Amino acid sequence: MRIVVPQESYYIGAWRKPWISKVVEWQPGNMTVEWGLYSGDCHGGNMIIEAEQGDIVKMGQKSVDGSAADISTWHVVGFDGSLTDISANIAWEIFADRDSRRRHRRQEARRQRATAEATDAPPQTQPPVKQSRSGDDFDDFINSL
């Protein structure tokens, strides 16, 4: 779903453009994000990103001079596209749990595909053998060879 976050005006002499991102991979000490976009200018606009329920979204704005006044906030996407403020620690816990469940679902899907492929495989064919039920059937079988 498309997440749109309105951004108020900001002083261009102090702040850079606002940014928004979605965490797609997160290992301790290494995070990979998918960047959204900012549609607007210093008079205001919207931060836009595609995300789904349970995704972790981080957004913020850097100061022009790179001071410690940089702003960044963590959020989790709700079922209706709303964003709930969370801490970095909670963001990590949510992401790790969700990632673990996704990995489990992928493994289970692979296992099911392998099982389906094994059962859908054509059976090994052998020449038909006529079962003998009486002497006549046996004679017919011998004569067919």
C-alpha atoms as a PDB file:
ATOM      1  CA  MET A   1       0.000   0.000   0.000  1.00  0.00           C
ATOM      2  CA  ARG A   2       1.111   3.532  -0.539  1.00  0.00           C
ATOM      3  CA  ILE A   3       2.051   5.419   2.616  1.00  0.00           C
ATOM      4  CA  VAL A   4       1.882   9.216   2.358  1.00  0.00           C
ATOM      5  CA  VAL A   5       3.246  11.339   5.197  1.00  0.00           C
ATOM      6  CA  PRO A   6       2.590  15.089   5.010  1.00  0.00           C
ATOM      7  CA  GLN A   7       5.602  17.294   5.723  1.00  0.00           C
ATOM      8  CA  GLU A   8       5.330  20.851   6.971  1.00  0.00           C
ATOM      9  CA  SER A   9       7.528  23.638   5.697  1.00  0.00           C
ATOM     10  CA  TYR A  10      11.110  23.848   6.901  1.00  0.00           C
ATOM     11  CA  TYR A  11      13.900  26.400   6.828  1.00  0.00           C
ATOM     12  CA  ILE A  12      16.097  25.491   3.877  1.00  0.00           C
ATOM     13  CA  GLY A  13      19.093  27.195   5.491  1.00  0.00           C
ATOM     14  CA  ALA A  14      19.000  24.738   8.399  1.00  0.00           C
ATOM     15  CA  TRP A  15      17.475  21.509   7.032  1.00  0.00           C
ATOM     16  CA  ARG A  16      17.921  19.224   4.037  1.00  0.00           C
ATOM     17  CA  LYS A  17      15.025  17.506   2.254  1.00  0.00           C
ATOM     18  CA  PRO A  18      13.046  15.080   4.429  1.00  0.00           C
ATOM     19  CA  TRP A  19      13.533  11.380   3.713  1.00  0.00           C
ATOM     20  CA  ILE A  20      11.600   8.162   4.261  1.00  0.00           C
ATOM     21  CA  SER A  21      12.721   4.540   3.998  1.00  0.00           C
ATOM     22  CA  LYS A  22      11.512   0.992   4.618  1.00  0.00           C
ATOM     23  CA  VAL A  23      13.784  -1.584   6.254  1.00  0.00           C
ATOM     24  CA  VAL A  24      14.137  -4.586   3.939  1.00  0.00           C
ATOM     25  CA  GLU A  25      17.029  -6.371   5.624  1.00  0.00           C
ATOM     26  CA  TRP A  26      18.515  -5.894   9.053  1.00  0.00           C
ATOM     27  CA  GLN A  27      21.423  -7.763  10.525  1.00  0.00           C
ATOM     28  CA  PRO A  28      23.166  -6.414  13.625  1.00  0.00           C
ATOM     29  CA  GLY A  29      25.345  -3.549  12.423  1.00  0.00           C
ATOM     30  CA  ASN A  30      24.020  -3.659   8.854  1.00  0.00           C
ATOM     31  CA  MET A  31      20.659  -2.391   7.636  1.00  0.00           C
ATOM     32  CA  THR A  32      19.403  -2.313   4.052  1.00  0.00           C
ATOM     33  CA  VAL A  33      16.584   0.081   3.231  1.00  0.00           C
ATOM     34  CA  GLU A  34      14.356   0.860   0.298  1.00  0.00           C
ATOM     35  CA  TRP A  35      14.100   4.619  -0.169  1.00  0.00           C
ATOM     36  CA  GLY A  36      10.834   6.439  -0.658  1.00  0.00           C
ATOM     37  CA  LEU A  37      10.578   9.899  -2.128  1.00  0.00           C
ATOM     38  CA  TYR A  38       9.793  13.427  -1.072  1.00  0.00           C
ATOM     39  CA  SER A  39       7.383  15.296  -3.292  1.00  0.00           C
ATOM     40  CA  GLY A  40       7.529  18.946  -2.371  1.00  0.00           C
ATOM     41  CA  ASP A  41       9.906  21.722  -1.432  1.00  0.00           C
ATOM     42  CA  CYS A  42      10.829  23.785   1.625  1.00  0.00           C
ATOM     43  CA  HIS A  43       7.231  25.049   1.773  1.00  0.00           C
ATOM     44  CA  GLY A  44       5.919  21.549   2.464  1.00  0.00           C
ATOM     45  CA  GLY A  45       5.064  18.350   0.660  1.00  0.00           C
ATOM     46  CA  ASN A  46       4.653  14.608   1.134  1.00  0.00           C
ATOM     47  CA  MET A  47       6.990  11.723   1.888  1.00  0.00           C
ATOM     48  CA  ILE A  48       5.799   8.668  -0.050  1.00  0.00           C
ATOM     49  CA  ILE A  49       6.741   4.987   0.196  1.00  0.00           C
ATOM     50  CA  GLU A  50       5.229   1.600  -0.655  1.00  0.00           C
ATOM     51  CA  ALA A  51       4.895  -0.607   2.435  1.00  0.00           C
ATOM     52  CA  GLU A  52       2.660  -3.266   3.906  1.00  0.00           C
ATOM     53  CA  GLN A  53       1.314  -4.039   7.344  1.00  0.00           C
ATOM     54  CA  GLY A  54       4.110  -4.797   9.801  1.00  0.00           C
ATOM     55  CA  ASP A  55       6.871  -3.123   7.774  1.00  0.00           C
ATOM     56  CA  ILE A  56       9.344  -0.941   9.626  1.00  0.00           C
ATOM     57  CA  VAL A  57       9.570   2.613   8.297  1.00  0.00           C
ATOM     58  CA  LYS A  58      12.215   5.141   9.272  1.00  0.00           C
ATOM     59  CA  MET A  59      11.958   8.788   8.353  1.00  0.00           C
ATOM     60  CA  GLY A  60      13.813  11.923   9.161  1.00  0.00           C
ATOM     61  CA  GLN A  61      15.603  15.056   8.137  1.00  0.00           C
ATOM     62  CA  LYS A  62      19.261  16.032   8.342  1.00  0.00           C
ATOM     63  CA  SER A  63      20.528  19.401   9.392  1.00  0.00           C
ATOM     64  CA  VAL A  64      22.537  21.337   6.821  1.00  0.00           C
ATOM     65  CA  ASP A  65      25.609  21.578   9.065  1.00  0.00           C
ATOM     66  CA  GLY A  66      25.494  17.856  10.026  1.00  0.00           C
ATOM     67  CA  SER A  67      25.057  18.632  13.698  1.00  0.00           C
ATOM     68  CA  ALA A  68      23.528  16.330  16.268  1.00  0.00           C
ATOM     69  CA  ALA A  69      20.201  18.039  15.622  1.00  0.00           C
ATOM     70  CA  ASP A  70      19.403  15.503  12.876  1.00  0.00           C
ATOM     71  CA  ILE A  71      15.929  14.035  13.256  1.00  0.00           C
ATOM     72  CA  SER A  72      14.945  10.412  12.633  1.00  0.00           C
ATOM     73  CA  THR A  73      11.992   8.404  13.869  1.00  0.00           C
ATOM     74  CA  TRP A  74      10.963   4.744  13.682  1.00  0.00           C
ATOM     75  CA  HIS A  75       7.455   3.524  12.842  1.00  0.00           C
ATOM     76  CA  VAL A  76       5.572   0.304  12.199  1.00  0.00           C
ATOM     77  CA  VAL A  77       2.896   0.193   9.477  1.00  0.00           C
ATOM     78  CA  GLY A  78      -0.606  -0.686  10.665  1.00  0.00           C
ATOM     79  CA  PHE A  79      -3.213  -2.722   8.748  1.00  0.00           C
ATOM     80  CA  ASP A  80      -4.795   0.505   7.511  1.00  0.00           C
ATOM     81  CA  GLY A  81      -1.507   2.148   6.480  1.00  0.00           C
ATOM     82  CA  SER A  82      -1.215   4.212   9.635  1.00  0.00           C
ATOM     83  CA  LEU A  83       2.212   4.674  11.210  1.00  0.00           C
ATOM     84  CA  THR A  84       2.799   4.023  14.913  1.00  0.00           C
ATOM     85  CA  ASP A  85       5.854   5.591  16.562  1.00  0.00           C
ATOM     86  CA  ILE A  86       8.217   3.026  18.075  1.00  0.00           C
ATOM     87  CA  SER A  87      11.749   2.957  19.464  1.00  0.00           C
ATOM     88  CA  ALA A  88      14.725   1.546  17.563  1.00  0.00           C
ATOM     89  CA  ASN A  89      14.784  -1.454  19.931  1.00  0.00           C
ATOM     90  CA  ILE A  90      11.125  -2.253  19.316  1.00  0.00           C
ATOM     91  CA  ALA A  91      11.679  -1.780  15.567  1.00  0.00           C
ATOM     92  CA  TRP A  92      14.462  -4.378  15.713  1.00  0.00           C
ATOM     93  CA  GLU A  93      12.297  -6.837  17.657  1.00  0.00           C
ATOM     94  CA  ILE A  94       9.369  -6.457  15.254  1.00  0.00           C
ATOM     95  CA  PHE A  95      11.606  -6.800  12.193  1.00  0.00           C
ATOM     96  CA  ALA A  96      13.485  -9.825  13.567  1.00  0.00           C
ATOM     97  CA  ASP A  97      10.228 -11.600  14.479  1.00  0.00           C
ATOM     98  CA  ARG A  98       8.632 -10.835  11.123  1.00  0.00           C
ATOM     99  CA  ASP A  99      11.772 -11.822   9.219  1.00  0.00           C
ATOM    100  CA  SER A 100      11.907 -15.114  11.129  1.00  0.00           C
ATOM    101  CA  ARG A 101       8.268 -15.856  10.266  1.00  0.00           C
ATOM    102  CA  ARG A 102       8.899 -14.999   6.591  1.00  0.00           C
ATOM    103  CA  ARG A 103      11.913 -17.327   6.478  1.00  0.00           C
ATOM    104  CA  HIS A 104       9.843 -20.094   8.069  1.00  0.00           C
ATOM    105  CA  ARG A 105       7.042 -19.584   5.501  1.00  0.00           C
ATOM    106  CA  ARG A 106       9.560 -19.679   2.614  1.00  0.00           C
ATOM    107  CA  GLN A 107      11.117 -22.897   3.959  1.00  0.00           C
ATOM    108  CA  GLU A 108       7.689 -24.451   4.408  1.00  0.00           C
ATOM    109  CA  ALA A 109       6.688 -23.433   0.854  1.00  0.00           C
ATOM    110  CA  ARG A 110       9.890 -24.980  -0.539  1.00  0.00           C
ATOM    111  CA  ARG A 111       9.225 -28.157   1.424  1.00  0.00           C
ATOM    112  CA  GLN A 112       5.648 -28.331   0.109  1.00  0.00           C
ATOM    113  CA  ARG A 113       6.813 -27.729  -3.484  1.00  0.00           C
ATOM    114  CA  ALA A 114       9.413 -30.494  -3.167  1.00  0.00           C
ATOM    115  CA  THR A 115       6.778 -32.872  -1.778  1.00  0.00           C
ATOM    116  CA  ALA A 116       4.323 -31.930  -4.547  1.00  0.00           C
ATOM    117  CA  GLU A 117       6.983 -32.423  -7.206  1.00  0.00           C
ATOM    118  CA  ALA A 118       7.869 -35.817  -5.770  1.00  0.00           C
ATOM    119  CA  THR A 119       4.237 -36.972  -5.733  1.00  0.00           C
ATOM    120  CA  ASP A 120       3.459 -35.447  -9.155  1.00  0.00           C
ATOM    121  CA  ALA A 121       6.412 -37.178 -10.789  1.00  0.00           C
ATOM    122  CA  PRO A 122       5.282 -39.743 -13.331  1.00  0.00           C
ATOM    123  CA  PRO A 123       5.581 -43.247 -11.929  1.00  0.00           C
ATOM    124  CA  GLN A 124       8.357 -45.439 -13.224  1.00  0.00           C
ATOM    125  CA  THR A 125       6.729 -47.421 -15.989  1.00  0.00           C
ATOM    126  CA  GLN A 126       7.311 -51.091 -16.476  1.00  0.00           C
ATOM    127  CA  PRO A 127       5.873 -53.233 -19.186  1.00  0.00           C
ATOM    128  CA  PRO A 128       2.430 -54.445 -18.237  1.00  0.00           C
ATOM    129  CA  VAL A 129       2.318 -57.931 -16.843  1.00  0.00           C
ATOM    130  CA  LYS A 130      -0.868 -59.852 -17.328  1.00  0.00           C
ATOM    131  CA  GLN A 131      -1.996 -61.442 -14.107  1.00  0.00           C
ATOM    132  CA  SER A 132      -2.876 -65.084 -14.348  1.00  0.00           C
ATOM    133  CA  ARG A 133      -6.211 -66.144 -12.912  1.00  0.00           C
ATOM    134  CA  SER A 134      -6.781 -69.292 -14.834  1.00  0.00           C
ATOM    135  CA  GLY A 135      -4.960 -71.620 -17.137  1.00  0.00           C
ATOM    136  CA  ASP A 136      -6.419 -69.895 -20.221  1.00  0.00           C
ATOM    137  CA  ASP A 137      -5.032 -66.528 -19.138  1.00  0.00           C
ATOM    138  CA  PHE A 138      -1.646 -68.121 -18.609  1.00  0.00           C
ATOM    139  CA  ASP A 139      -1.695 -69.678 -22.087  1.00  0.00           C
ATOM    140  CA  ASP A 140      -2.727 -66.319 -23.611  1.00  0.00           C
ATOM    141  CA  PHE A 141       0.152 -64.673 -21.778  1.00  0.00           C
ATOM    142  CA  ILE A 142       2.697 -67.221 -22.998  1.00  0.00           C
ATOM    143  CA  ASN A 143       1.399 -66.928 -26.553  1.00  0.00           C
ATOM    144  CA  SER A 144       1.662 -63.145 -26.457  1.00  0.00           C
ATOM    145  CA  LEU A 145       5.429 -63.398 -25.852  1.00  0.00           C
END
